[in-house]
PDB file of N, CA and C in Angstrom:
ATOM      1  N   MET A   1     105.705  74.447 186.358  1.00  0.00           N
ATOM      2  CA  MET A   1     105.090  73.222 185.932  1.00  0.00           C
ATOM      3  C   MET A   1     105.935  72.557 184.843  1.00  0.00           C
ATOM      4  N   LYS A   2     107.193  72.305 185.111  1.00  0.00           N
ATOM      5  CA  LYS A   2     108.100  71.805 184.095  1.00  0.00           C
ATOM      6  C   LYS A   2     108.170  70.282 184.097  1.00  0.00           C
ATOM      7  N   GLY A   3     107.411  69.648 183.234  1.00  0.00           N
ATOM      8  CA  GLY A   3     107.508  68.226 183.008  1.00  0.00           C
ATOM      9  C   GLY A   3     107.153  67.318 184.165  1.00  0.00           C
ATOM     10  N   LYS A   4     106.357  67.784 185.101  1.00  0.00           N
ATOM     11  CA  LYS A   4     105.998  66.947 186.232  1.00  0.00           C
ATOM     12  C   LYS A   4     104.914  65.957 185.831  1.00  0.00           C
ATOM     13  N   MET A   5     105.108  64.694 186.258  1.00  0.00           N
ATOM     14  CA  MET A   5     104.146  63.650 185.943  1.00  0.00           C
ATOM     15  C   MET A   5     103.720  62.939 187.214  1.00  0.00           C
ATOM     16  N   ALA A   6     102.448  62.542 187.256  1.00  0.00           N
ATOM     17  CA  ALA A   6     101.903  61.815 188.401  1.00  0.00           C
ATOM     18  C   ALA A   6     101.007  60.698 187.886  1.00  0.00           C
ATOM     19  N   ILE A   7     100.775  59.722 188.756  1.00  0.00           N
ATOM     20  CA  ILE A   7      99.799  58.678 188.455  1.00  0.00           C
ATOM     21  C   ILE A   7      98.855  58.548 189.633  1.00  0.00           C
ATOM     22  N   VAL A   8      97.574  58.447 189.321  1.00  0.00           N
ATOM     23  CA  VAL A   8      96.533  58.305 190.333  1.00  0.00           C
ATOM     24  C   VAL A   8      95.890  56.940 190.134  1.00  0.00           C
ATOM     25  N   GLY A   9      95.840  56.164 191.205  1.00  0.00           N
ATOM     26  CA  GLY A   9      95.236  54.843 191.096  1.00  0.00           C
ATOM     27  C   GLY A   9      95.153  54.164 192.440  1.00  0.00           C
ATOM     28  N   ASN A  10      94.623  52.974 192.413  1.00  0.00           N
ATOM     29  CA  ASN A  10      94.545  52.215 193.650  1.00  0.00           C
ATOM     30  C   ASN A  10      95.340  50.926 193.491  1.00  0.00           C
ATOM     31  N   GLY A  11      95.818  50.428 194.598  1.00  0.00           N
ATOM     32  CA  GLY A  11      96.587  49.197 194.570  1.00  0.00           C
ATOM     33  C   GLY A  11      98.064  49.438 194.389  1.00  0.00           C
ATOM     34  N   ASP A  12      98.781  48.352 194.378  1.00  0.00           N
ATOM     35  CA  ASP A  12     100.238  48.412 194.295  1.00  0.00           C
ATOM     36  C   ASP A  12     100.760  48.698 192.896  1.00  0.00           C
ATOM     37  N   SER A  13      99.901  48.597 191.887  1.00  0.00           N
ATOM     38  CA  SER A  13     100.363  48.748 190.513  1.00  0.00           C
ATOM     39  C   SER A  13     100.941  50.122 190.217  1.00  0.00           C
ATOM     40  N   ILE A  14     100.521  51.143 190.947  1.00  0.00           N
ATOM     41  CA  ILE A  14     101.008  52.496 190.647  1.00  0.00           C
ATOM     42  C   ILE A  14     102.409  52.746 191.193  1.00  0.00           C
ATOM     43  N   VAL A  15     102.831  51.971 192.173  1.00  0.00           N
ATOM     44  CA  VAL A  15     104.143  52.175 192.789  1.00  0.00           C
ATOM     45  C   VAL A  15     105.258  51.956 191.778  1.00  0.00           C
ATOM     46  N   ALA A  16     105.078  51.026 190.860  1.00  0.00           N
ATOM     47  CA  ALA A  16     106.098  50.742 189.856  1.00  0.00           C
ATOM     48  C   ALA A  16     106.426  51.965 188.998  1.00  0.00           C
ATOM     49  N   PHE A  17     105.475  52.859 188.826  1.00  0.00           N
ATOM     50  CA  PHE A  17     105.684  54.052 188.008  1.00  0.00           C
ATOM     51  C   PHE A  17     106.714  55.005 188.621  1.00  0.00           C
ATOM     52  N   SER A  18     106.903  54.941 189.915  1.00  0.00           N
ATOM     53  CA  SER A  18     107.863  55.835 190.564  1.00  0.00           C
ATOM     54  C   SER A  18     109.281  55.578 190.072  1.00  0.00           C
ATOM     55  N   ALA A  19     109.561  54.371 189.612  1.00  0.00           N
ATOM     56  CA  ALA A  19     110.888  54.071 189.063  1.00  0.00           C
ATOM     57  C   ALA A  19     111.172  54.901 187.815  1.00  0.00           C
ATOM     58  N   GLY A  20     110.118  55.337 187.135  1.00  0.00           N
ATOM     59  CA  GLY A  20     110.261  56.155 185.932  1.00  0.00           C
ATOM     60  C   GLY A  20     110.119  57.639 186.195  1.00  0.00           C
ATOM     61  N   GLY A  21     110.146  58.031 187.459  1.00  0.00           N
ATOM     62  CA  GLY A  21     110.052  59.450 187.796  1.00  0.00           C
ATOM     63  C   GLY A  21     108.637  59.978 187.879  1.00  0.00           C
ATOM     64  N   ILE A  22     107.672  59.088 187.888  1.00  0.00           N
ATOM     65  CA  ILE A  22     106.266  59.483 187.981  1.00  0.00           C
ATOM     66  C   ILE A  22     105.831  59.356 189.438  1.00  0.00           C
ATOM     67  N   VAL A  23     105.278  60.422 189.977  1.00  0.00           N
ATOM     68  CA  VAL A  23     104.894  60.443 191.387  1.00  0.00           C
ATOM     69  C   VAL A  23     103.557  59.722 191.569  1.00  0.00           C
ATOM     70  N   PRO A  24     103.523  58.652 192.387  1.00  0.00           N
ATOM     71  CA  PRO A  24     102.271  57.921 192.587  1.00  0.00           C
ATOM     72  C   PRO A  24     101.386  58.534 193.670  1.00  0.00           C
ATOM     73  N   TYR A  25     100.103  58.597 193.407  1.00  0.00           N
ATOM     74  CA  TYR A  25      99.109  59.049 194.375  1.00  0.00           C
ATOM     75  C   TYR A  25      98.064  57.954 194.513  1.00  0.00           C
ATOM     76  N   SER A  26      98.071  57.288 195.641  1.00  0.00           N
ATOM     77  CA  SER A  26      97.146  56.193 195.878  1.00  0.00           C
ATOM     78  C   SER A  26      95.811  56.720 196.395  1.00  0.00           C
ATOM     79  N   VAL A  27      94.738  56.241 195.800  1.00  0.00           N
ATOM     80  CA  VAL A  27      93.383  56.616 196.213  1.00  0.00           C
ATOM     81  C   VAL A  27      92.558  55.348 196.386  1.00  0.00           C
ATOM     82  N   GLU A  28      91.505  55.461 197.150  1.00  0.00           N
ATOM     83  CA  GLU A  28      90.651  54.305 197.430  1.00  0.00           C
ATOM     84  C   GLU A  28      89.406  54.231 196.553  1.00  0.00           C
ATOM     85  N   ASN A  29      88.990  55.383 196.004  1.00  0.00           N
ATOM     86  CA  ASN A  29      87.751  55.390 195.232  1.00  0.00           C
ATOM     87  C   ASN A  29      87.730  56.573 194.256  1.00  0.00           C
ATOM     88  N   ALA A  30      86.664  56.659 193.484  1.00  0.00           N
ATOM     89  CA  ALA A  30      86.536  57.694 192.459  1.00  0.00           C
ATOM     90  C   ALA A  30      86.469  59.095 193.047  1.00  0.00           C
ATOM     91  N   VAL A  31      85.819  59.259 194.188  1.00  0.00           N
ATOM     92  CA  VAL A  31      85.716  60.579 194.820  1.00  0.00           C
ATOM     93  C   VAL A  31      87.106  61.089 195.196  1.00  0.00           C
ATOM     94  N   GLU A  32      87.905  60.230 195.800  1.00  0.00           N
ATOM     95  CA  GLU A  32      89.275  60.619 196.150  1.00  0.00           C
ATOM     96  C   GLU A  32      90.083  60.925 194.897  1.00  0.00           C
ATOM     97  N   ALA A  33      89.889  60.149 193.847  1.00  0.00           N
ATOM     98  CA  ALA A  33      90.616  60.371 192.600  1.00  0.00           C
ATOM     99  C   ALA A  33      90.307  61.745 192.022  1.00  0.00           C
ATOM    100  N   GLU A  34      89.031  62.127 192.035  1.00  0.00           N
ATOM    101  CA  GLU A  34      88.644  63.446 191.529  1.00  0.00           C
ATOM    102  C   GLU A  34      89.281  64.566 192.346  1.00  0.00           C
ATOM    103  N   GLU A  35      89.316  64.409 193.660  1.00  0.00           N
ATOM    104  CA  GLU A  35      89.918  65.420 194.532  1.00  0.00           C
ATOM    105  C   GLU A  35      91.413  65.545 194.275  1.00  0.00           C
ATOM    106  N   VAL A  36      92.099  64.415 194.144  1.00  0.00           N
ATOM    107  CA  VAL A  36      93.549  64.423 193.910  1.00  0.00           C
ATOM    108  C   VAL A  36      93.864  65.042 192.550  1.00  0.00           C
ATOM    109  N   ILE A  37      93.122  64.671 191.526  1.00  0.00           N
ATOM    110  CA  ILE A  37      93.361  65.228 190.189  1.00  0.00           C
ATOM    111  C   ILE A  37      93.152  66.729 190.185  1.00  0.00           C
ATOM    112  N   SER A  38      92.142  67.200 190.875  1.00  0.00           N
ATOM    113  CA  SER A  38      91.897  68.633 190.966  1.00  0.00           C
ATOM    114  C   SER A  38      93.101  69.368 191.555  1.00  0.00           C
ATOM    115  N   LYS A  39      93.703  68.799 192.564  1.00  0.00           N
ATOM    116  CA  LYS A  39      94.891  69.412 193.177  1.00  0.00           C
ATOM    117  C   LYS A  39      96.111  69.298 192.272  1.00  0.00           C
ATOM    118  N   LEU A  40      96.299  68.131 191.671  1.00  0.00           N
ATOM    119  CA  LEU A  40      97.464  67.905 190.816  1.00  0.00           C
ATOM    120  C   LEU A  40      97.431  68.744 189.549  1.00  0.00           C
ATOM    121  N   ALA A  41      96.245  69.059 189.059  1.00  0.00           N
ATOM    122  CA  ALA A  41      96.098  69.790 187.805  1.00  0.00           C
ATOM    123  C   ALA A  41      96.797  71.145 187.829  1.00  0.00           C
ATOM    124  N   LYS A  42      97.018  71.677 189.005  1.00  0.00           N
ATOM    125  CA  LYS A  42      97.666  72.980 189.132  1.00  0.00           C
ATOM    126  C   LYS A  42      99.180  72.897 188.950  1.00  0.00           C
ATOM    127  N   ASP A  43      99.767  71.718 189.215  1.00  0.00           N
ATOM    128  CA  ASP A  43     101.227  71.600 189.234  1.00  0.00           C
ATOM    129  C   ASP A  43     101.815  70.564 188.284  1.00  0.00           C
ATOM    130  N   TYR A  44     100.999  69.702 187.723  1.00  0.00           N
ATOM    131  CA  TYR A  44     101.508  68.614 186.893  1.00  0.00           C
ATOM    132  C   TYR A  44     101.064  68.773 185.453  1.00  0.00           C
ATOM    133  N   GLN A  45     101.972  68.431 184.519  1.00  0.00           N
ATOM    134  CA  GLN A  45     101.637  68.514 183.101  1.00  0.00           C
ATOM    135  C   GLN A  45     100.964  67.249 182.598  1.00  0.00           C
ATOM    136  N   ILE A  46     101.386  66.105 183.132  1.00  0.00           N
ATOM    137  CA  ILE A  46     100.814  64.837 182.705  1.00  0.00           C
ATOM    138  C   ILE A  46     100.348  64.071 183.930  1.00  0.00           C
ATOM    139  N   ILE A  47      99.107  63.618 183.879  1.00  0.00           N
ATOM    140  CA  ILE A  47      98.546  62.816 184.968  1.00  0.00           C
ATOM    141  C   ILE A  47      98.007  61.524 184.365  1.00  0.00           C
ATOM    142  N   PHE A  48      98.575  60.426 184.800  1.00  0.00           N
ATOM    143  CA  PHE A  48      98.078  59.118 184.398  1.00  0.00           C
ATOM    144  C   PHE A  48      97.033  58.685 185.423  1.00  0.00           C
ATOM    145  N   VAL A  49      96.000  58.012 184.954  1.00  0.00           N
ATOM    146  CA  VAL A  49      94.948  57.496 185.828  1.00  0.00           C
ATOM    147  C   VAL A  49      94.727  56.042 185.439  1.00  0.00           C
ATOM    148  N   THR A  50      94.665  55.166 186.421  1.00  0.00           N
ATOM    149  CA  THR A  50      94.418  53.762 186.087  1.00  0.00           C
ATOM    150  C   THR A  50      93.027  53.627 185.464  1.00  0.00           C
ATOM    151  N   GLU A  51      92.921  52.725 184.500  1.00  0.00           N
ATOM    152  CA  GLU A  51      91.678  52.588 183.731  1.00  0.00           C
ATOM    153  C   GLU A  51      90.461  52.312 184.597  1.00  0.00           C
ATOM    154  N   ASN A  52      90.632  51.517 185.632  1.00  0.00           N
ATOM    155  CA  ASN A  52      89.473  51.199 186.469  1.00  0.00           C
ATOM    156  C   ASN A  52      88.896  52.452 187.124  1.00  0.00           C
ATOM    157  N   LEU A  53      89.732  53.431 187.439  1.00  0.00           N
ATOM    158  CA  LEU A  53      89.241  54.701 187.989  1.00  0.00           C
ATOM    159  C   LEU A  53      88.807  55.664 186.887  1.00  0.00           C
ATOM    160  N   ALA A  54      89.539  55.665 185.781  1.00  0.00           N
ATOM    161  CA  ALA A  54      89.229  56.586 184.683  1.00  0.00           C
ATOM    162  C   ALA A  54      87.805  56.393 184.185  1.00  0.00           C
ATOM    163  N   VAL A  55      87.350  55.161 184.129  1.00  0.00           N
ATOM    164  CA  VAL A  55      85.977  54.876 183.699  1.00  0.00           C
ATOM    165  C   VAL A  55      84.985  55.558 184.634  1.00  0.00           C
ATOM    166  N   GLN A  56      85.289  55.560 185.915  1.00  0.00           N
ATOM    167  CA  GLN A  56      84.371  56.107 186.918  1.00  0.00           C
ATOM    168  C   GLN A  56      84.379  57.635 186.962  1.00  0.00           C
ATOM    169  N   ILE A  57      85.479  58.249 186.522  1.00  0.00           N
ATOM    170  CA  ILE A  57      85.599  59.713 186.615  1.00  0.00           C
ATOM    171  C   ILE A  57      85.714  60.354 185.233  1.00  0.00           C
ATOM    172  N   GLU A  58      85.098  59.733 184.263  1.00  0.00           N
ATOM    173  CA  GLU A  58      85.188  60.210 182.878  1.00  0.00           C
ATOM    174  C   GLU A  58      84.771  61.674 182.731  1.00  0.00           C
ATOM    175  N   GLU A  59      83.729  62.095 183.413  1.00  0.00           N
ATOM    176  CA  GLU A  59      83.267  63.487 183.313  1.00  0.00           C
ATOM    177  C   GLU A  59      84.317  64.457 183.859  1.00  0.00           C
ATOM    178  N   THR A  60      84.980  64.087 184.922  1.00  0.00           N
ATOM    179  CA  THR A  60      86.043  64.930 185.480  1.00  0.00           C
ATOM    180  C   THR A  60      87.193  65.045 184.495  1.00  0.00           C
ATOM    181  N   ILE A  61      87.572  63.946 183.899  1.00  0.00           N
ATOM    182  CA  ILE A  61      88.662  63.952 182.918  1.00  0.00           C
ATOM    183  C   ILE A  61      88.294  64.831 181.730  1.00  0.00           C
ATOM    184  N   LYS A  62      87.052  64.776 181.280  1.00  0.00           N
ATOM    185  CA  LYS A  62      86.604  65.577 180.135  1.00  0.00           C
ATOM    186  C   LYS A  62      86.752  67.071 180.391  1.00  0.00           C
ATOM    187  N   LYS A  63      86.662  67.501 181.649  1.00  0.00           N
ATOM    188  CA  LYS A  63      86.793  68.929 181.969  1.00  0.00           C
ATOM    189  C   LYS A  63      88.163  69.473 181.575  1.00  0.00           C
ATOM    190  N   TYR A  64      89.159  68.610 181.543  1.00  0.00           N
ATOM    191  CA  TYR A  64      90.518  69.056 181.243  1.00  0.00           C
ATOM    192  C   TYR A  64      90.877  68.933 179.768  1.00  0.00           C
ATOM    193  N   LEU A  65      89.992  68.399 178.946  1.00  0.00           N
ATOM    194  CA  LEU A  65      90.301  68.201 177.529  1.00  0.00           C
ATOM    195  C   LEU A  65      90.521  69.504 176.775  1.00  0.00           C
ATOM    196  N   SER A  66      89.858  70.565 177.183  1.00  0.00           N
ATOM    197  CA  SER A  66      89.990  71.836 176.466  1.00  0.00           C
ATOM    198  C   SER A  66      91.210  72.636 176.916  1.00  0.00           C
ATOM    199  N   SER A  67      91.893  72.173 177.946  1.00  0.00           N
ATOM    200  CA  SER A  67      93.091  72.855 178.445  1.00  0.00           C
ATOM    201  C   SER A  67      94.346  72.214 177.854  1.00  0.00           C
ATOM    202  N   ALA A  68      95.376  73.036 177.706  1.00  0.00           N
ATOM    203  CA  ALA A  68      96.646  72.490 177.229  1.00  0.00           C
ATOM    204  C   ALA A  68      97.228  71.526 178.256  1.00  0.00           C
ATOM    205  N   TYR A  69      97.126  71.889 179.512  1.00  0.00           N
ATOM    206  CA  TYR A  69      97.637  71.051 180.600  1.00  0.00           C
ATOM    207  C   TYR A  69      96.652  71.048 181.749  1.00  0.00           C
ATOM    208  N   PRO A  70      96.564  69.985 182.464  1.00  0.00           N
ATOM    209  CA  PRO A  70      97.335  68.753 182.339  1.00  0.00           C
ATOM    210  C   PRO A  70      96.748  67.855 181.252  1.00  0.00           C
ATOM    211  N   ILE A  71      97.605  67.016 180.729  1.00  0.00           N
ATOM    212  CA  ILE A  71      97.170  65.955 179.838  1.00  0.00           C
ATOM    213  C   ILE A  71      96.865  64.766 180.739  1.00  0.00           C
ATOM    214  N   ILE A  72      95.672  64.243 180.647  1.00  0.00           N
ATOM    215  CA  ILE A  72      95.282  63.109 181.490  1.00  0.00           C
ATOM    216  C   ILE A  72      95.127  61.879 180.608  1.00  0.00           C
ATOM    217  N   LEU A  73      95.913  60.862 180.924  1.00  0.00           N
ATOM    218  CA  LEU A  73      95.931  59.630 180.151  1.00  0.00           C
ATOM    219  C   LEU A  73      95.598  58.453 181.041  1.00  0.00           C
ATOM    220  N   SER A  74      94.880  57.497 180.511  1.00  0.00           N
ATOM    221  CA  SER A  74      94.581  56.311 181.309  1.00  0.00           C
ATOM    222  C   SER A  74      95.563  55.198 180.953  1.00  0.00           C
ATOM    223  N   VAL A  75      95.877  54.407 181.957  1.00  0.00           N
ATOM    224  CA  VAL A  75      96.784  53.272 181.805  1.00  0.00           C
ATOM    225  C   VAL A  75      96.147  52.055 182.464  1.00  0.00           C
ATOM    226  N   PRO A  76      96.480  50.866 181.992  1.00  0.00           N
ATOM    227  CA  PRO A  76      95.927  49.669 182.639  1.00  0.00           C
ATOM    228  C   PRO A  76      96.335  49.602 184.108  1.00  0.00           C
ATOM    229  N   SER A  77      95.457  49.058 184.911  1.00  0.00           N
ATOM    230  CA  SER A  77      95.757  48.896 186.330  1.00  0.00           C
ATOM    231  C   SER A  77      96.280  47.491 186.573  1.00  0.00           C
ATOM    232  N   GLY A  78      96.553  47.181 187.819  1.00  0.00           N
ATOM    233  CA  GLY A  78      96.983  45.842 188.176  1.00  0.00           C
ATOM    234  C   GLY A  78      95.926  44.804 187.867  1.00  0.00           C
ATOM    235  N   ASP A  79      94.680  45.253 187.718  1.00  0.00           N
ATOM    236  CA  ASP A  79      93.572  44.353 187.398  1.00  0.00           C
ATOM    237  C   ASP A  79      93.513  44.032 185.907  1.00  0.00           C
ATOM    238  N   GLY A  80      94.346  44.688 185.117  1.00  0.00           N
ATOM    239  CA  GLY A  80      94.378  44.440 183.682  1.00  0.00           C
ATOM    240  C   GLY A  80      93.791  45.591 182.883  1.00  0.00           C
ATOM    241  N   ASN A  81      93.652  45.365 181.613  1.00  0.00           N
ATOM    242  CA  ASN A  81      93.185  46.360 180.660  1.00  0.00           C
ATOM    243  C   ASN A  81      91.694  46.161 180.418  1.00  0.00           C
ATOM    244  N   ASN A  82      90.923  47.226 180.583  1.00  0.00           N
ATOM    245  CA  ASN A  82      89.482  47.121 180.317  1.00  0.00           C
ATOM    246  C   ASN A  82      89.084  47.788 178.999  1.00  0.00           C
ATOM    247  N   GLY A  83      90.054  48.280 178.233  1.00  0.00           N
ATOM    248  CA  GLY A  83      89.783  48.881 176.934  1.00  0.00           C
ATOM    249  C   GLY A  83      89.460  50.361 176.954  1.00  0.00           C
ATOM    250  N   TYR A  84      89.320  50.946 178.137  1.00  0.00           N
ATOM    251  CA  TYR A  84      88.954  52.357 178.236  1.00  0.00           C
ATOM    252  C   TYR A  84      90.019  53.261 177.604  1.00  0.00           C
ATOM    253  N   GLY A  85      91.278  52.982 177.855  1.00  0.00           N
ATOM    254  CA  GLY A  85      92.356  53.817 177.332  1.00  0.00           C
ATOM    255  C   GLY A  85      92.370  53.862 175.817  1.00  0.00           C
ATOM    256  N   MET A  86      92.233  52.712 175.197  1.00  0.00           N
ATOM    257  CA  MET A  86      92.233  52.651 173.735  1.00  0.00           C
ATOM    258  C   MET A  86      90.996  53.340 173.169  1.00  0.00           C
ATOM    259  N   LYS A  87      89.856  53.179 173.822  1.00  0.00           N
ATOM    260  CA  LYS A  87      88.631  53.837 173.371  1.00  0.00           C
ATOM    261  C   LYS A  87      88.782  55.357 173.451  1.00  0.00           C
ATOM    262  N   SER A  88      89.394  55.841 174.522  1.00  0.00           N
ATOM    263  CA  SER A  88      89.618  57.282 174.687  1.00  0.00           C
ATOM    264  C   SER A  88      90.565  57.822 173.621  1.00  0.00           C
ATOM    265  N   LEU A  89      91.623  57.071 173.355  1.00  0.00           N
ATOM    266  CA  LEU A  89      92.585  57.480 172.327  1.00  0.00           C
ATOM    267  C   LEU A  89      91.909  57.524 170.966  1.00  0.00           C
ATOM    268  N   LYS A  90      91.092  56.539 170.680  1.00  0.00           N
ATOM    269  CA  LYS A  90      90.382  56.502 169.403  1.00  0.00           C
ATOM    270  C   LYS A  90      89.482  57.732 169.246  1.00  0.00           C
ATOM    271  N   LYS A  91      88.730  58.057 170.293  1.00  0.00           N
ATOM    272  CA  LYS A  91      87.847  59.227 170.237  1.00  0.00           C
ATOM    273  C   LYS A  91      88.638  60.510 170.029  1.00  0.00           C
ATOM    274  N   ALA A  92      89.772  60.642 170.719  1.00  0.00           N
ATOM    275  CA  ALA A  92      90.596  61.848 170.591  1.00  0.00           C
ATOM    276  C   ALA A  92      91.155  61.980 169.182  1.00  0.00           C
ATOM    277  N   MET A  93      91.594  60.879 168.606  1.00  0.00           N
ATOM    278  CA  MET A  93      92.134  60.911 167.244  1.00  0.00           C
ATOM    279  C   MET A  93      91.039  61.263 166.238  1.00  0.00           C
ATOM    280  N   GLU A  94      89.863  60.692 166.429  1.00  0.00           N
ATOM    281  CA  GLU A  94      88.759  61.013 165.522  1.00  0.00           C
ATOM    282  C   GLU A  94      88.379  62.484 165.614  1.00  0.00           C
ATOM    283  N   LYS A  95      88.386  63.004 166.813  1.00  0.00           N
ATOM    284  CA  LYS A  95      88.046  64.419 167.006  1.00  0.00           C
ATOM    285  C   LYS A  95      89.092  65.319 166.346  1.00  0.00           C
ATOM    286  N   ALA A  96      90.358  64.976 166.526  1.00  0.00           N
ATOM    287  CA  ALA A  96      91.435  65.810 165.994  1.00  0.00           C
ATOM    288  C   ALA A  96      91.537  65.724 164.468  1.00  0.00           C
ATOM    289  N   LEU A  97      91.358  64.533 163.926  1.00  0.00           N
ATOM    290  CA  LEU A  97      91.584  64.333 162.505  1.00  0.00           C
ATOM    291  C   LEU A  97      90.318  64.196 161.672  1.00  0.00           C
ATOM    292  N   GLY A  98      89.207  63.909 162.334  1.00  0.00           N
ATOM    293  CA  GLY A  98      87.958  63.745 161.616  1.00  0.00           C
ATOM    294  C   GLY A  98      87.741  62.355 161.051  1.00  0.00           C
ATOM    295  N   VAL A  99      88.726  61.485 161.208  1.00  0.00           N
ATOM    296  CA  VAL A  99      88.608  60.107 160.722  1.00  0.00           C
ATOM    297  C   VAL A  99      89.258  59.161 161.716  1.00  0.00           C
ATOM    298  N   ASP A 100      88.914  57.903 161.606  1.00  0.00           N
ATOM    299  CA  ASP A 100      89.487  56.879 162.475  1.00  0.00           C
ATOM    300  C   ASP A 100      90.711  56.269 161.790  1.00  0.00           C
ATOM    301  N   ILE A 101      91.899  56.756 162.118  1.00  0.00           N
ATOM    302  CA  ILE A 101      93.115  56.217 161.514  1.00  0.00           C
ATOM    303  C   ILE A 101      93.684  55.047 162.296  1.00  0.00           C
ATOM    304  N   LEU A 102      93.209  54.832 163.522  1.00  0.00           N
ATOM    305  CA  LEU A 102      93.748  53.759 164.346  1.00  0.00           C
ATOM    306  C   LEU A 102      93.150  52.401 164.016  1.00  0.00           C
ATOM    307  N   PHE A 103      91.850  52.338 163.815  1.00  0.00           N
ATOM    308  CA  PHE A 103      91.180  51.060 163.644  1.00  0.00           C
ATOM    309  C   PHE A 103      90.426  50.943 162.330  1.00  0.00           C
ATOM    310  N   ASN A 104      90.143  52.097 161.728  1.00  0.00           N
ATOM    311  CA  ASN A 104      89.393  52.149 160.477  1.00  0.00           C
ATOM    312  C   ASN A 104      88.089  51.370 160.581  1.00  0.00           C
ATOM    313  N   GLU A 105      87.385  51.605 161.700  1.00  0.00           N
ATOM    314  CA  GLU A 105      86.092  50.957 161.934  1.00  0.00           C
ATOM    315  C   GLU A 105      85.026  52.028 162.103  1.00  0.00           C
ATOM    316  N   ASN A 106      83.798  51.667 161.863  1.00  0.00           N
ATOM    317  CA  ASN A 106      82.693  52.603 162.032  1.00  0.00           C
ATOM    318  C   ASN A 106      81.946  52.400 163.321  1.00  0.00           C
ATOM    319  N   ASN A 107      82.255  51.354 164.092  1.00  0.00           N
ATOM    320  CA  ASN A 107      81.526  51.105 165.336  1.00  0.00           C
ATOM    321  C   ASN A 107      82.392  51.398 166.545  1.00  0.00           C
ATOM    322  N   ASP A 108      81.720  51.603 167.705  1.00  0.00           N
ATOM    323  CA  ASP A 108      82.437  51.864 168.950  1.00  0.00           C
ATOM    324  C   ASP A 108      82.509  50.639 169.783  1.00  0.00           C
TER     325      ASP A 108
END
């Protein structure tokens, strides 16, 4: 499992990631995304998920938070940014550090 990266998403937006050495896995819905991530988790260290799918499979993503690998990160999709990725990063930073160093806000 040496440095392998994949992206799971729908639409043409994920194909661009292959130029950076990230293997794209196209899915049609959240159920397919969960199945693909389950398989990829055995062989990939980093799995990117488009935000539109990440919102739908949040519970599945949470299952991997206690493991060192894979690291699952959300990225904006071709439909744009819905804020899920930044919200997830904020929560992770607060959990790790105990304070909000990114936004210094008390609301979600």
